[in-house]
Structures are given as C-alpha cells and as structure tokens.
C-alpha atoms as a PDB file:
ATOM      1  CA  UNK A   1     145.897  85.607 171.606  1.00  0.00           C
ATOM      2  CA  UNK A   2     149.699  84.758 172.059  1.00  0.00           C
ATOM      3  CA  UNK A   3     151.822  86.164 174.557  1.00  0.00           C
ATOM      4  CA  UNK A   4     154.166  88.817 172.930  1.00  0.00           C
ATOM      5  CA  UNK A   5     157.900  88.810 173.382  1.00  0.00           C
ATOM      6  CA  UNK A   6     160.272  91.715 173.308  1.00  0.00           C
ATOM      7  CA  UNK A   7     164.004  90.919 172.940  1.00  0.00           C
ATOM      8  CA  UNK A   8     167.050  91.999 170.952  1.00  0.00           C
ATOM      9  CA  UNK A   9     170.699  93.308 170.979  1.00  0.00           C
ATOM     10  CA  UNK A  10     172.789  96.755 170.908  1.00  0.00           C
ATOM     11  CA  UNK A  11     174.199  96.367 167.625  1.00  0.00           C
ATOM     12  CA  UNK A  12     177.836  97.059 168.610  1.00  0.00           C
ATOM     13  CA  UNK A  13     179.374  94.132 166.634  1.00  0.00           C
ATOM     14  CA  UNK A  14     178.777  90.978 164.889  1.00  0.00           C
ATOM     15  CA  UNK A  15     177.247  88.135 167.103  1.00  0.00           C
ATOM     16  CA  UNK A  16     179.443  85.236 168.367  1.00  0.00           C
ATOM     17  CA  UNK A  17     178.917  81.856 169.853  1.00  0.00           C
ATOM     18  CA  UNK A  18     178.399  83.375 173.383  1.00  0.00           C
ATOM     19  CA  UNK A  19     175.239  85.211 172.042  1.00  0.00           C
ATOM     20  CA  UNK A  20     174.044  82.086 170.356  1.00  0.00           C
ATOM     21  CA  UNK A  21     174.333  80.033 173.458  1.00  0.00           C
ATOM     22  CA  UNK A  22     173.032  82.777 175.672  1.00  0.00           C
ATOM     23  CA  UNK A  23     169.988  84.108 173.870  1.00  0.00           C
ATOM     24  CA  UNK A  24     169.825  83.468 170.063  1.00  0.00           C
ATOM     25  CA  UNK A  25     169.323  79.746 170.346  1.00  0.00           C
ATOM     26  CA  UNK A  26     166.529  80.224 172.738  1.00  0.00           C
ATOM     27  CA  UNK A  27     164.948  83.036 170.487  1.00  0.00           C
ATOM     28  CA  UNK A  28     164.917  80.623 167.611  1.00  0.00           C
ATOM     29  CA  UNK A  29     162.646  78.152 169.708  1.00  0.00           C
ATOM     30  CA  UNK A  30     160.577  80.784 171.338  1.00  0.00           C
ATOM     31  CA  UNK A  31     159.509  82.356 167.914  1.00  0.00           C
ATOM     32  CA  UNK A  32     157.358  79.211 167.396  1.00  0.00           C
ATOM     33  CA  UNK A  33     155.572  79.568 170.839  1.00  0.00           C
ATOM     34  CA  UNK A  34     155.134  83.403 171.107  1.00  0.00           C
ATOM     35  CA  UNK A  35     154.589  86.546 169.076  1.00  0.00           C
ATOM     36  CA  UNK A  36     158.127  87.661 168.844  1.00  0.00           C
ATOM     37  CA  UNK A  37     159.575  91.008 168.401  1.00  0.00           C
ATOM     38  CA  UNK A  38     163.366  91.359 167.865  1.00  0.00           C
ATOM     39  CA  UNK A  39     164.951  94.815 168.372  1.00  0.00           C
ATOM     40  CA  UNK A  40     168.214  96.035 166.822  1.00  0.00           C
ATOM     41  CA  UNK A  41     168.945  98.450 169.364  1.00  0.00           C
ATOM     42  CA  UNK A  42     170.968 101.195 167.482  1.00  0.00           C
ATOM     43  CA  UNK A  43     170.022 103.988 169.784  1.00  0.00           C
ATOM     44  CA  UNK A  44     171.232 102.051 172.938  1.00  0.00           C
ATOM     45  CA  UNK A  45     174.389 101.188 171.140  1.00  0.00           C
ATOM     46  CA  UNK A  46     175.045 104.967 171.125  1.00  0.00           C
ATOM     47  CA  UNK A  47     175.336 105.031 174.784  1.00  0.00           C
ATOM     48  CA  UNK A  48     178.752 103.550 174.564  1.00  0.00           C
ATOM     49  CA  UNK A  49     179.529 104.132 170.951  1.00  0.00           C
ATOM     50  CA  UNK A  50     178.383 107.647 170.381  1.00  0.00           C
ATOM     51  CA  UNK A  51     181.719 108.701 169.083  1.00  0.00           C
ATOM     52  CA  UNK A  52     181.738 106.083 166.341  1.00  0.00           C
ATOM     53  CA  UNK A  53     178.074 105.919 164.854  1.00  0.00           C
ATOM     54  CA  UNK A  54     179.575 104.496 161.546  1.00  0.00           C
ATOM     55  CA  UNK A  55     180.357 101.271 163.208  1.00  0.00           C
ATOM     56  CA  UNK A  56     176.494 100.962 164.143  1.00  0.00           C
ATOM     57  CA  UNK A  57     175.502 101.493 160.656  1.00  0.00           C
ATOM     58  CA  UNK A  58     178.063  98.788 159.523  1.00  0.00           C
ATOM     59  CA  UNK A  59     176.686  96.451 162.097  1.00  0.00           C
ATOM     60  CA  UNK A  60     173.229  96.833 161.517  1.00  0.00           C
ATOM     61  CA  UNK A  61     172.836  94.342 158.561  1.00  0.00           C
ATOM     62  CA  UNK A  62     175.608  92.199 159.884  1.00  0.00           C
ATOM     63  CA  UNK A  63     173.428  91.479 163.195  1.00  0.00           C
ATOM     64  CA  UNK A  64     170.368  91.007 161.242  1.00  0.00           C
ATOM     65  CA  UNK A  65     172.025  88.534 158.983  1.00  0.00           C
ATOM     66  CA  UNK A  66     173.121  86.651 162.319  1.00  0.00           C
ATOM     67  CA  UNK A  67     169.519  86.415 163.345  1.00  0.00           C
ATOM     68  CA  UNK A  68     168.400  85.153 159.945  1.00  0.00           C
ATOM     69  CA  UNK A  69     171.392  82.752 159.453  1.00  0.00           C
ATOM     70  CA  UNK A  70     170.702  81.322 163.094  1.00  0.00           C
ATOM     71  CA  UNK A  71     167.139  80.603 162.056  1.00  0.00           C
ATOM     72  CA  UNK A  72     164.952  83.531 162.862  1.00  0.00           C
ATOM     73  CA  UNK A  73     161.955  83.322 160.507  1.00  0.00           C
ATOM     74  CA  UNK A  74     160.859  86.768 159.395  1.00  0.00           C
ATOM     75  CA  UNK A  75     157.425  85.270 158.857  1.00  0.00           C
ATOM     76  CA  UNK A  76     157.223  84.574 162.493  1.00  0.00           C
ATOM     77  CA  UNK A  77     159.428  87.125 164.273  1.00  0.00           C
ATOM     78  CA  UNK A  78     159.361  90.962 163.542  1.00  0.00           C
ATOM     79  CA  UNK A  79     162.808  92.270 163.315  1.00  0.00           C
ATOM     80  CA  UNK A  80     162.868  96.093 163.563  1.00  0.00           C
ATOM     81  CA  UNK A  81     165.247  99.034 163.941  1.00  0.00           C
ATOM     82  CA  UNK A  82     164.868 100.991 167.259  1.00  0.00           C
ATOM     83  CA  UNK A  83     165.784 104.519 165.869  1.00  0.00           C
ATOM     84  CA  UNK A  84     163.067 104.142 163.182  1.00  0.00           C
ATOM     85  CA  UNK A  85     160.208 103.886 165.849  1.00  0.00           C
ATOM     86  CA  UNK A  86     159.984 107.432 167.016  1.00  0.00           C
ATOM     87  CA  UNK A  87     157.486 106.554 169.496  1.00  0.00           C
ATOM     88  CA  UNK A  88     160.070 104.732 171.665  1.00  0.00           C
ATOM     89  CA  UNK A  89     161.969 108.020 171.939  1.00  0.00           C
ATOM     90  CA  UNK A  90     158.664 109.773 172.887  1.00  0.00           C
ATOM     91  CA  UNK A  91     157.764 107.153 175.399  1.00  0.00           C
ATOM     92  CA  UNK A  92     161.199 107.349 176.784  1.00  0.00           C
ATOM     93  CA  UNK A  93     160.857 111.244 177.383  1.00  0.00           C
ATOM     94  CA  UNK A  94     157.484 110.639 179.043  1.00  0.00           C
ATOM     95  CA  UNK A  95     158.739 108.117 181.490  1.00  0.00           C
ATOM     96  CA  UNK A  96     161.983 110.015 182.185  1.00  0.00           C
ATOM     97  CA  UNK A  97     159.495 112.749 183.850  1.00  0.00           C
ATOM     98  CA  UNK A  98     158.667 110.505 186.872  1.00  0.00           C
ATOM     99  CA  UNK A  99     161.745 108.308 187.223  1.00  0.00           C
ATOM    100  CA  UNK A 100     164.217 109.634 189.600  1.00  0.00           C
ATOM    101  CA  UNK A 101     167.990 109.663 189.124  1.00  0.00           C
ATOM    102  CA  UNK A 102     168.566 107.990 192.545  1.00  0.00           C
ATOM    103  CA  UNK A 103     166.391 104.976 191.419  1.00  0.00           C
ATOM    104  CA  UNK A 104     168.368 104.648 188.135  1.00  0.00           C
ATOM    105  CA  UNK A 105     171.586 104.792 190.003  1.00  0.00           C
ATOM    106  CA  UNK A 106     170.432 101.754 192.116  1.00  0.00           C
ATOM    107  CA  UNK A 107     169.959  99.533 188.845  1.00  0.00           C
ATOM    108  CA  UNK A 108     172.642  96.849 189.274  1.00  0.00           C
ATOM    109  CA  UNK A 109     173.906  97.469 185.659  1.00  0.00           C
ATOM    110  CA  UNK A 110     174.170 101.226 186.268  1.00  0.00           C
ATOM    111  CA  UNK A 111     175.928 100.699 189.530  1.00  0.00           C
ATOM    112  CA  UNK A 112     178.457  98.383 187.865  1.00  0.00           C
ATOM    113  CA  UNK A 113     179.024 101.113 185.303  1.00  0.00           C
ATOM    114  CA  UNK A 114     179.413 103.811 187.699  1.00  0.00           C
ATOM    115  CA  UNK A 115     182.082 101.877 189.593  1.00  0.00           C
ATOM    116  CA  UNK A 116     184.014 101.456 186.162  1.00  0.00           C
ATOM    117  CA  UNK A 117     183.688 104.909 184.931  1.00  0.00           C
ATOM    118  CA  UNK A 118     182.691 106.976 187.894  1.00  0.00           C
ATOM    119  CA  UNK A 119     179.333 108.936 188.503  1.00  0.00           C
ATOM    120  CA  UNK A 120     180.769 112.193 186.967  1.00  0.00           C
ATOM    121  CA  UNK A 121     181.742 110.356 183.804  1.00  0.00           C
ATOM    122  CA  UNK A 122     178.586 108.528 183.060  1.00  0.00           C
ATOM    123  CA  UNK A 123     176.639 109.935 180.161  1.00  0.00           C
ATOM    124  CA  UNK A 124     172.964 110.794 180.455  1.00  0.00           C
ATOM    125  CA  UNK A 125     172.105 108.191 177.883  1.00  0.00           C
ATOM    126  CA  UNK A 126     173.674 105.390 179.677  1.00  0.00           C
ATOM    127  CA  UNK A 127     172.148 106.343 183.003  1.00  0.00           C
ATOM    128  CA  UNK A 128     168.603 106.490 181.354  1.00  0.00           C
ATOM    129  CA  UNK A 129     169.216 103.194 179.738  1.00  0.00           C
ATOM    130  CA  UNK A 130     166.495 101.504 181.858  1.00  0.00           C
ATOM    131  CA  UNK A 131     163.790 104.151 181.002  1.00  0.00           C
ATOM    132  CA  UNK A 132     164.859 103.480 177.333  1.00  0.00           C
ATOM    133  CA  UNK A 133     164.473  99.831 177.646  1.00  0.00           C
ATOM    134  CA  UNK A 134     160.997 100.245 179.294  1.00  0.00           C
ATOM    135  CA  UNK A 135     159.895 102.055 176.296  1.00  0.00           C
ATOM    136  CA  UNK A 136     161.184  99.271 173.956  1.00  0.00           C
ATOM    137  CA  UNK A 137     159.251  96.750 175.962  1.00  0.00           C
ATOM    138  CA  UNK A 138     156.026  98.711 176.350  1.00  0.00           C
ATOM    139  CA  UNK A 139     155.515 100.358 172.950  1.00  0.00           C
ATOM    140  CA  UNK A 140     154.368  96.860 171.548  1.00  0.00           C
ATOM    141  CA  UNK A 141     152.818  96.071 174.950  1.00  0.00           C
ATOM    142  CA  UNK A 142     155.062  92.794 175.254  1.00  0.00           C
ATOM    143  CA  UNK A 143     153.997  90.709 177.986  1.00  0.00           C
ATOM    144  CA  UNK A 144     157.165  88.454 178.312  1.00  0.00           C
ATOM    145  CA  UNK A 145     160.820  89.552 178.274  1.00  0.00           C
ATOM    146  CA  UNK A 146     163.158  86.532 178.134  1.00  0.00           C
ATOM    147  CA  UNK A 147     165.977  87.178 180.740  1.00  0.00           C
ATOM    148  CA  UNK A 148     168.414  85.228 182.972  1.00  0.00           C
ATOM    149  CA  UNK A 149     168.133  85.516 186.909  1.00  0.00           C
ATOM    150  CA  UNK A 150     170.711  88.237 187.029  1.00  0.00           C
ATOM    151  CA  UNK A 151     168.460  90.539 184.765  1.00  0.00           C
ATOM    152  CA  UNK A 152     165.355  90.315 186.765  1.00  0.00           C
ATOM    153  CA  UNK A 153     165.978  93.694 188.534  1.00  0.00           C
ATOM    154  CA  UNK A 154     166.052  95.318 184.975  1.00  0.00           C
ATOM    155  CA  UNK A 155     162.457  94.052 184.468  1.00  0.00           C
ATOM    156  CA  UNK A 156     161.407  95.117 187.828  1.00  0.00           C
ATOM    157  CA  UNK A 157     162.315  98.433 187.069  1.00  0.00           C
ATOM    158  CA  UNK A 158     160.334  98.435 184.019  1.00  0.00           C
ATOM    159  CA  UNK A 159     157.451  96.973 186.053  1.00  0.00           C
ATOM    160  CA  UNK A 160     157.608  99.973 188.422  1.00  0.00           C
ATOM    161  CA  UNK A 161     157.611 102.511 185.589  1.00  0.00           C
ATOM    162  CA  UNK A 162     154.606 100.917 184.109  1.00  0.00           C
ATOM    163  CA  UNK A 163     152.828 100.677 187.466  1.00  0.00           C
ATOM    164  CA  UNK A 164     153.577 104.409 188.031  1.00  0.00           C
ATOM    165  CA  UNK A 165     152.125 105.410 184.629  1.00  0.00           C
ATOM    166  CA  UNK A 166     148.959 103.427 185.030  1.00  0.00           C
ATOM    167  CA  UNK A 167     148.330 105.037 188.396  1.00  0.00           C
ATOM    168  CA  UNK A 168     149.268 108.759 187.100  1.00  0.00           C
ATOM    169  CA  UNK A 169     147.114 108.428 184.215  1.00  0.00           C
ATOM    170  CA  UNK A 170     145.143 105.465 182.910  1.00  0.00           C
ATOM    171  CA  UNK A 171     145.809 101.732 183.226  1.00  0.00           C
ATOM    172  CA  UNK A 172     146.727 101.103 179.507  1.00  0.00           C
ATOM    173  CA  UNK A 173     150.164  99.791 179.659  1.00  0.00           C
ATOM    174  CA  UNK A 174     150.913  96.071 180.104  1.00  0.00           C
ATOM    175  CA  UNK A 175     153.209  95.093 183.039  1.00  0.00           C
ATOM    176  CA  UNK A 176     155.768  92.784 181.469  1.00  0.00           C
ATOM    177  CA  UNK A 177     156.599  89.517 183.055  1.00  0.00           C
ATOM    178  CA  UNK A 178     160.393  88.104 183.001  1.00  0.00           C
ATOM    179  CA  UNK A 179     160.475  84.918 181.182  1.00  0.00           C
ATOM    180  CA  UNK A 180     163.141  83.396 183.244  1.00  0.00           C
ATOM    181  CA  UNK A 181     165.411  80.700 182.067  1.00  0.00           C
ATOM    182  CA  UNK A 182     168.937  79.478 182.264  1.00  0.00           C
ATOM    183  CA  UNK A 183     171.145  81.661 180.324  1.00  0.00           C
ATOM    184  CA  UNK A 184     174.465  79.974 180.019  1.00  0.00           C
ATOM    185  CA  UNK A 185     177.650  82.281 179.810  1.00  0.00           C
ATOM    186  CA  UNK A 186     180.190  81.000 177.490  1.00  0.00           C
ATOM    187  CA  UNK A 187     183.812  81.491 178.628  1.00  0.00           C
ATOM    188  CA  UNK A 188     185.968  83.240 176.199  1.00  0.00           C
ATOM    189  CA  UNK A 189     188.872  81.493 174.115  1.00  0.00           C
ATOM    190  CA  UNK A 190     191.287  82.940 176.438  1.00  0.00           C
ATOM    191  CA  UNK A 191     189.745  80.964 179.350  1.00  0.00           C
ATOM    192  CA  UNK A 192     189.638  83.973 181.914  1.00  0.00           C
ATOM    193  CA  UNK A 193     186.594  86.148 180.729  1.00  0.00           C
ATOM    194  CA  UNK A 194     183.150  85.588 179.237  1.00  0.00           C
ATOM    195  CA  UNK A 195     183.158  85.530 175.494  1.00  0.00           C
ATOM    196  CA  UNK A 196     183.385  89.014 174.081  1.00  0.00           C
ATOM    197  CA  UNK A 197     184.462  90.551 170.894  1.00  0.00           C
ATOM    198  CA  UNK A 198     186.010  93.714 172.576  1.00  0.00           C
ATOM    199  CA  UNK A 199     188.300  91.372 174.599  1.00  0.00           C
ATOM    200  CA  UNK A 200     189.372  89.485 171.418  1.00  0.00           C
ATOM    201  CA  UNK A 201     188.430  86.125 172.915  1.00  0.00           C
ATOM    202  CA  UNK A 202     185.228  85.453 170.786  1.00  0.00           C
ATOM    203  CA  UNK A 203     184.366  83.076 167.878  1.00  0.00           C
ATOM    204  CA  UNK A 204     182.204  85.087 165.527  1.00  0.00           C
ATOM    205  CA  UNK A 205     179.058  83.365 164.127  1.00  0.00           C
ATOM    206  CA  UNK A 206     180.023  84.047 160.463  1.00  0.00           C
ATOM    207  CA  UNK A 207     183.526  82.354 160.829  1.00  0.00           C
ATOM    208  CA  UNK A 208     184.437  80.070 158.055  1.00  0.00           C
ATOM    209  CA  UNK A 209     185.245  76.396 158.924  1.00  0.00           C
ATOM    210  CA  UNK A 210     188.984  77.103 158.680  1.00  0.00           C
ATOM    211  CA  UNK A 211     188.744  80.398 160.743  1.00  0.00           C
ATOM    212  CA  UNK A 212     186.631  78.385 163.547  1.00  0.00           C
ATOM    213  CA  UNK A 213     188.984  75.567 163.733  1.00  0.00           C
ATOM    214  CA  UNK A 214     191.898  77.763 164.125  1.00  0.00           C
ATOM    215  CA  UNK A 215     190.400  79.747 166.880  1.00  0.00           C
ATOM    216  CA  UNK A 216     189.576  76.507 168.738  1.00  0.00           C
ATOM    217  CA  UNK A 217     193.052  75.335 168.016  1.00  0.00           C
ATOM    218  CA  UNK A 218     194.667  78.448 169.644  1.00  0.00           C
ATOM    219  CA  UNK A 219     192.308  78.560 172.669  1.00  0.00           C
ATOM    220  CA  UNK A 220     193.758  78.387 176.082  1.00  0.00           C
ATOM    221  CA  UNK A 221     193.434  74.974 177.973  1.00  0.00           C
ATOM    222  CA  UNK A 222     194.275  73.707 181.595  1.00  0.00           C
ATOM    223  CA  UNK A 223     197.766  75.595 182.148  1.00  0.00           C
ATOM    224  CA  UNK A 224     198.866  72.870 184.580  1.00  0.00           C
ATOM    225  CA  UNK A 225     198.885  70.255 181.640  1.00  0.00           C
ATOM    226  CA  UNK A 226     202.404  70.232 180.237  1.00  0.00           C
ATOM    227  CA  UNK A 227     202.463  66.593 178.725  1.00  0.00           C
ATOM    228  CA  UNK A 228     199.721  64.765 176.677  1.00  0.00           C
ATOM    229  CA  UNK A 229     199.463  62.241 179.330  1.00  0.00           C
ATOM    230  CA  UNK A 230     199.376  64.539 182.399  1.00  0.00           C
ATOM    231  CA  UNK A 231     196.126  64.437 184.356  1.00  0.00           C
ATOM    232  CA  UNK A 232     193.870  67.197 183.581  1.00  0.00           C
ATOM    233  CA  UNK A 233     191.545  69.562 185.423  1.00  0.00           C
ATOM    234  CA  UNK A 234     188.359  69.991 183.004  1.00  0.00           C
ATOM    235  CA  UNK A 235     186.541  72.241 185.519  1.00  0.00           C
ATOM    236  CA  UNK A 236     188.917  74.962 184.759  1.00  0.00           C
ATOM    237  CA  UNK A 237     189.496  74.393 180.980  1.00  0.00           C
ATOM    238  CA  UNK A 238     187.427  76.360 178.626  1.00  0.00           C
ATOM    239  CA  UNK A 239     187.505  73.622 176.031  1.00  0.00           C
ATOM    240  CA  UNK A 240     185.729  71.392 178.478  1.00  0.00           C
ATOM    241  CA  UNK A 241     182.973  74.270 178.881  1.00  0.00           C
ATOM    242  CA  UNK A 242     182.625  73.899 175.157  1.00  0.00           C
ATOM    243  CA  UNK A 243     182.157  70.169 175.265  1.00  0.00           C
ATOM    244  CA  UNK A 244     179.312  70.816 177.665  1.00  0.00           C
ATOM    245  CA  UNK A 245     177.886  73.434 175.384  1.00  0.00           C
ATOM    246  CA  UNK A 246     178.221  71.749 172.023  1.00  0.00           C
ATOM    247  CA  UNK A 247     178.836  67.989 172.927  1.00  0.00           C
ATOM    248  CA  UNK A 248     176.765  67.433 175.971  1.00  0.00           C
ATOM    249  CA  UNK A 249     176.200  63.775 175.161  1.00  0.00           C
ATOM    250  CA  UNK A 250     179.746  62.920 175.419  1.00  0.00           C
ATOM    251  CA  UNK A 251     180.849  65.450 177.855  1.00  0.00           C
ATOM    252  CA  UNK A 252     180.973  63.084 180.864  1.00  0.00           C
ATOM    253  CA  UNK A 253     183.271  60.756 178.875  1.00  0.00           C
ATOM    254  CA  UNK A 254     185.616  63.613 178.008  1.00  0.00           C
ATOM    255  CA  UNK A 255     185.774  64.726 181.700  1.00  0.00           C
ATOM    256  CA  UNK A 256     186.857  61.502 182.925  1.00  0.00           C
ATOM    257  CA  UNK A 257     189.371  61.021 180.110  1.00  0.00           C
ATOM    258  CA  UNK A 258     190.976  64.417 180.758  1.00  0.00           C
ATOM    259  CA  UNK A 259     191.258  63.795 184.370  1.00  0.00           C
ATOM    260  CA  UNK A 260     193.071  60.454 183.786  1.00  0.00           C
ATOM    261  CA  UNK A 261     195.228  61.847 181.159  1.00  0.00           C
ATOM    262  CA  UNK A 262     193.711  59.600 178.499  1.00  0.00           C
ATOM    263  CA  UNK A 263     193.074  62.422 175.985  1.00  0.00           C
ATOM    264  CA  UNK A 264     195.373  65.110 174.681  1.00  0.00           C
ATOM    265  CA  UNK A 265     194.357  68.804 174.502  1.00  0.00           C
ATOM    266  CA  UNK A 266     194.699  68.775 170.823  1.00  0.00           C
ATOM    267  CA  UNK A 267     192.365  65.910 170.039  1.00  0.00           C
ATOM    268  CA  UNK A 268     190.004  67.402 172.632  1.00  0.00           C
ATOM    269  CA  UNK A 269     190.121  70.678 170.739  1.00  0.00           C
ATOM    270  CA  UNK A 270     189.348  68.845 167.461  1.00  0.00           C
ATOM    271  CA  UNK A 271     186.231  67.241 168.724  1.00  0.00           C
ATOM    272  CA  UNK A 272     184.902  70.554 169.921  1.00  0.00           C
ATOM    273  CA  UNK A 273     185.860  72.378 166.665  1.00  0.00           C
ATOM    274  CA  UNK A 274     183.984  69.406 164.753  1.00  0.00           C
ATOM    275  CA  UNK A 275     180.945  69.993 166.837  1.00  0.00           C
ATOM    276  CA  UNK A 276     181.019  73.884 166.466  1.00  0.00           C
ATOM    277  CA  UNK A 277     181.530  73.797 162.754  1.00  0.00           C
ATOM    278  CA  UNK A 278     178.584  71.291 162.390  1.00  0.00           C
ATOM    279  CA  UNK A 279     176.430  73.770 164.371  1.00  0.00           C
ATOM    280  CA  UNK A 280     177.773  76.694 162.190  1.00  0.00           C
ATOM    281  CA  UNK A 281     177.432  74.793 158.860  1.00  0.00           C
ATOM    282  CA  UNK A 282     173.589  75.396 158.145  1.00  0.00           C
ATOM    283  CA  UNK A 283     174.088  79.115 159.387  1.00  0.00           C
ATOM    284  CA  UNK A 284     176.728  79.569 156.690  1.00  0.00           C
ATOM    285  CA  UNK A 285     174.547  78.025 154.117  1.00  0.00           C
ATOM    286  CA  UNK A 286     171.494  80.396 154.994  1.00  0.00           C
ATOM    287  CA  UNK A 287     173.937  83.488 155.175  1.00  0.00           C
ATOM    288  CA  UNK A 288     175.200  82.857 151.646  1.00  0.00           C
ATOM    289  CA  UNK A 289     171.745  83.067 150.377  1.00  0.00           C
ATOM    290  CA  UNK A 290     171.210  86.360 152.148  1.00  0.00           C
ATOM    291  CA  UNK A 291     174.730  87.638 151.145  1.00  0.00           C
ATOM    292  CA  UNK A 292     173.596  86.932 147.458  1.00  0.00           C
ATOM    293  CA  UNK A 293     170.648  89.140 147.790  1.00  0.00           C
ATOM    294  CA  UNK A 294     171.258  91.964 150.356  1.00  0.00           C
ATOM    295  CA  UNK A 295     168.281  93.859 149.340  1.00  0.00           C
ATOM    296  CA  UNK A 296     166.264  90.931 150.804  1.00  0.00           C
ATOM    297  CA  UNK A 297     167.808  91.725 154.179  1.00  0.00           C
ATOM    298  CA  UNK A 298     166.809  95.424 153.872  1.00  0.00           C
ATOM    299  CA  UNK A 299     163.196  94.382 152.722  1.00  0.00           C
ATOM    300  CA  UNK A 300     162.859  92.162 155.928  1.00  0.00           C
ATOM    301  CA  UNK A 301     164.051  95.055 158.094  1.00  0.00           C
ATOM    302  CA  UNK A 302     161.734  97.475 156.580  1.00  0.00           C
ATOM    303  CA  UNK A 303     158.831  95.353 156.811  1.00  0.00           C
ATOM    304  CA  UNK A 304     159.420  94.521 160.195  1.00  0.00           C
ATOM    305  CA  UNK A 305     160.133  98.071 161.204  1.00  0.00           C
ATOM    306  CA  UNK A 306     156.780  99.041 159.497  1.00  0.00           C
ATOM    307  CA  UNK A 307     154.704  96.616 161.365  1.00  0.00           C
ATOM    308  CA  UNK A 308     156.459  97.726 164.814  1.00  0.00           C
ATOM    309  CA  UNK A 309     155.686 101.378 163.715  1.00  0.00           C
ATOM    310  CA  UNK A 310     151.991 100.705 163.203  1.00  0.00           C
ATOM    311  CA  UNK A 311     151.730  99.079 166.733  1.00  0.00           C
ATOM    312  CA  UNK A 312     153.689 102.050 168.242  1.00  0.00           C
ATOM    313  CA  UNK A 313     151.317 104.637 166.733  1.00  0.00           C
ATOM    314  CA  UNK A 314     148.401 102.700 168.355  1.00  0.00           C
ATOM    315  CA  UNK A 315     150.097 102.636 171.780  1.00  0.00           C
ATOM    316  CA  UNK A 316     150.911 106.178 171.609  1.00  0.00           C
ATOM    317  CA  UNK A 317     147.482 107.215 170.683  1.00  0.00           C
ATOM    318  CA  UNK A 318     146.370 105.549 173.839  1.00  0.00           C
ATOM    319  CA  UNK A 319     149.264 107.059 175.756  1.00  0.00           C
ATOM    320  CA  UNK A 320     148.456 110.742 174.687  1.00  0.00           C
ATOM    321  CA  UNK A 321     144.771 110.197 175.397  1.00  0.00           C
ATOM    322  CA  UNK A 322     145.613 108.886 178.857  1.00  0.00           C
ATOM    323  CA  UNK A 323     147.883 112.025 179.574  1.00  0.00           C
ATOM    324  CA  UNK A 324     145.617 114.583 178.071  1.00  0.00           C
ATOM    325  CA  UNK A 325     148.182 115.386 175.407  1.00  0.00           C
ATOM    326  CA  UNK A 326     145.808 114.615 172.395  1.00  0.00           C
ATOM    327  CA  UNK A 327     145.043 118.374 171.932  1.00  0.00           C
ATOM    328  CA  UNK A 328     143.444 118.507 168.619  1.00  0.00           C
ATOM    329  CA  UNK A 329     141.534 115.299 168.360  1.00  0.00           C
END
C-alpha cells in the first residue's frame, strides 16, 4: 500500500504565489507518489474568521479551483470539506479529554498567537487547534504529513496525542511522520513581510496577465538604487528573490548584473513578470474550464468528501470499540 498523505489549507482567502511556492507545487508532485488527501479546513478557518462565516463559504470553491488549476488531479487526490466529516469533530472531542491546556499553550504557534492577542483574548477554538489538526490527520490514518522544519513541533504534538490514545485504549491509530522538506517563504511585494493577502502584498493565483504584470511593476525593490546604473543589493530586493523562485537558471546572472548596475529595476521586473505569467498561463487555462462548469467543481468536492467520510466511519468504528463506546453493537 502507498503511504497516505494529509495536507490542506484554512480557506480564509484565495491562494497566492506564496502558497504555490511553499506547498501547492509540492502537492502536485506528491500526488503521483502517495495516496493524497487534501483538506479544505473550513472549521479551522472559523478560529480567526468566526464573525464572517460568509467569507469562508465564498472562498471554499475559490481554493478548490486553485488546487485544480495548479494541477491537482481529483482522480489521484481526494479533496474534501472538513465540516462535512462529523467524525473529525467527534475525534477532536475525544482527544481534548486527555490533552492539557498547559501542553497546548506550549505549542509554538499558540505561544506566538498568545503574545499577539494575550491569553485572555484567545478563543477556545484557536487554543485547541492542534487537537483538531490531529483529528484531521488521524481520521484517515495518514502516515505522512508534509511540513517544513518550523512545523515539526505541530506534528510531534499529534504524535503524542496518538501515543496517548493507543496507550489508554488500544493501538489502532497511526502515528504520523513528518515529511520534511524545504518550504520556501516568498517575500511579499512590499519587500518587508512574507507574502500574505491580508497584508495586501500578495499576487493571487487567479490574476490575469495584466494584473500580474502590474503587481510586479509596482513591487518594491532595493531602496538604495536611485538611478538605473547604481550598484544594486539583490540580497535585500524582493524581485531578486522572485528570480530565484521562478527564473532559477538565470538568477546568478541577474545577481551579478544588479550588483554592477548593468540591469535596471524595470527590466529586472519585466523578466520576472514574464516568468510568472508563463507559470500561471496553464493554470488560467485549466481554471477557465472549471469556471465554465462550476457544477464540476461541486461534484469533485462531493465525491472527495464522500470518500473521506467512508474512511472516517471505518476509523470511528474502531475508535468507539477501543474506547468501549459501541453501546449497542
């Protein structure tokens, strides 16, 4: 049997180039090697967007279409909606009985959020995010979870929860293994933060050719370059980072030309815009086909959710038997 992968996104908005570079490109490749489950995490999106559930409804199909346009094959990968798998919520409730609040507060992501919001302002859903995440992974008995180095503590917490469950009841759950790889973080168009739609510095994957070119044209560059022939500092220029991401084979040449003042920022941007549009063009073509037939997207999501639900039912039957909760069977 192939190893089974679980990965996905909180559907808080359309996906952008940062998502593509950081995870989506890798998922397209992994679907050919592993049995892949892609989670549209609408429940977890509510941890920060509970006041605006309408946005999540709107973004559900946008993100699904981003997956399909990028090259996710619904015949190879199972795309499903989190809230339509009630077994995930049930597993989350069971795990929460033996996971301490203190252990959750030591999770790196939770600690960072606590510093931002303050412990008293953190909602229960966000504090329990790692428990819900563990339920996502274990309902389908995923063996591998693709992560970057900084996310390993998240998977370790899931592994601890699985070990605790197996010790308390029966060893029926699979302890997931992090599939660690380099996860590049694409700097935003403003040059000061990682790419994020909420920060207004992102290039959305469904951008038209003109929109993408205009976004790149307005992007910040090396602030110390006043004139075209001034020596540049590519190490601090976001456009050079895009050369590394999308024009790797010529990035060294761009680096040297920039340092010597042999290439202007506008020409540099035009080259990057061309490479990005070349990347996005086949995505646009695939997206148009799905936009013409939105029912097809719904059918893919319903079929994927049905498949995930069947697996979830099998897992929960084992879980209830292990816990002695199968009262009438």
